[in-house]
Amino acid sequence: MKLVNRVSMFFLAALAVVLVMYSTIFYVVVRNRLVHQFDQHLNASLHALVAAVEVEPEEVKWQPLEHDIDLGNPDDIDAVHWVVIGDQSHVVEQSRNVSPELVAYAKALAAGTASSEGEPFDNAGGWKMVHRQLIAPAPVRTARELDEFDQVVILVAKPTGPLNFELYRLLLFVCLLPLGVWLVAAAVGRWFCRRALQPVLDMAVDARAIQGADFQTRLPVGETRDELADLASAFNALLDHRQKAYEQQRRFTGDAAHELRTPITVLLGQIEVALRRPRSPEEYAATLELLRSQTHELKSITESLLFLARAEGDAALPDLASISLASWLADYTHRWQQHPRQADLQLHVDAPGSCQVTASPALLARLLDNLVENAFKYSEPGSPVELILSRHGGQAAIAVVDHGRGISPEDLQAIFKPFFRAQHVRSSGIAGVGLGLAIAARIAEALRGRIECSSQLNQGSRFELWLPLTDAEEAAAPPPQPVALVDSSR
């Protein structure tokens, strides 16, 4: 069942319940009111006729001329019919509209042969009647006037046909009017629901049209600023993220294929050359040495690609340990003793205390290896490469500073992207694939830290790794905020 039908049915069912309850209450209240007015008119007429009777100990007198009796127009369809019966079922007085059947019923009441008060008389349309019997306490039947009796029976009747007709009209009104309102509400409500949910239908059509790698299509966002517009905006934002991830993956795949093609081509070329003719052991040894070098490069590229291809949660390795950076960096510099430029690497500890952090020693070493290797690669031999440890508030900073080529401002925004290499670096012939800084930024993120870079062309670069401290001691000064730094998260 469609959403439009479900929403419409829910509100129509709720409206039907409300209309039924309202109509029932309205009918009961109005019906009781009409019946009450009918009975009140009937009883008021009886009381007016009773007021025209004087009950004395010796006789009961009917004296209508001494009282003002107004029971309405007797020719009306719902007029009161009445009759007064005296002794020996004598008709004392009656309304001109009274029927012979009512007179006979009144005489039967006076004679004591009729049923009890209020029972309807069997006539066309039915009747509702009330009567009153007035009896003299000690009747004396000598020398009586024509209007004096031992007892008087007053019968007042009113046809129930007009009342039943009004109740029937009322029933039709409370049934047909809510039904008409419900039908109008059903038509208008369905139209409104379809109009209100039309953006959902449009979004569903557009979403089904998006196939495969088509991330250019966006859902329409209405100007209503309601929940549906928020849904469309959220879905479009998701498509933006998916498009960005897809484009990054496509560029990553293309760059990876390009970078892997070079060492593989070299390997195949050297193997084919070696197999063309027999060679001396020295030539085979030279060829194998070249193959080993290219294999190591291929292995390094493959490992870097595998690391970058991991999910962010997988990049955080479990071999975390508490590291004292002051002593750990001193041991770390020994790794470079066999490097041709080991004399250029200088360690400066400008932080009080031990600077305790929680990190993976292997990942931290690999991160610094990439930074130091880049510093050696892009600076002249003999120029210093400084490894500086400092402390700022609750964070430790490890800076790798060189005095080499530097980085242009436009390239600073992209240096942490995989396979990015500046144009002047590519043209200079410096070896590399552009994965070192991307891996360093990924490791820093896994260690809950960040990398920042500031640089000027032909003056050098400064890369800073910021890690949260785990010891309780903190300096009072807040961490510095260099203006020219670029956050690796960008």
Foldseek 3Di string as FASTA:
>chain_A
DDPLVVVLVVVLVVLVVVLVVVLVVVLVVVLVVLVVVLVVLQVVLQVQQVVQWDAEQAWIFRHCVVGDHDQDDLVDQFGKWKWKAFPPRRTPDTDPNHDPQVSVQQSCVVVVNHDDAQDWDPDVQIKGKGKDKGARNHHDDPPDDPRIGRMMMMMMMTGCNVVVVVSVVSVCCSPVVSVVVSVVCSVVSSVVSCVVCVLVVQQVVQVVVDDDLPLPDARDADPPPDPSNVVSVVVNVVSVVVNVVVVLVVVLVVLLVVVLVVLVVVLVVLVVVPPPDPDDPVVVVVSVVSNVVSVVVNVVSVVLSVQVPDDLVVNQDDQKDKDQCVVLVVVLLVVCPPPPQSVQEEEEEPAPDRQIAIAHSVLVSLLVVLVQVVQPLFADRPWHWYFYWYAFFQKIKTKTKHFGFKDDLVCQQPLLRFQDDDPVVVVVVRDDRSRNNVSSQSRLVSQVWWWKKAIDGNGIIMIMIMHGGDDPDTDPHHDDDDPRIDTSVD
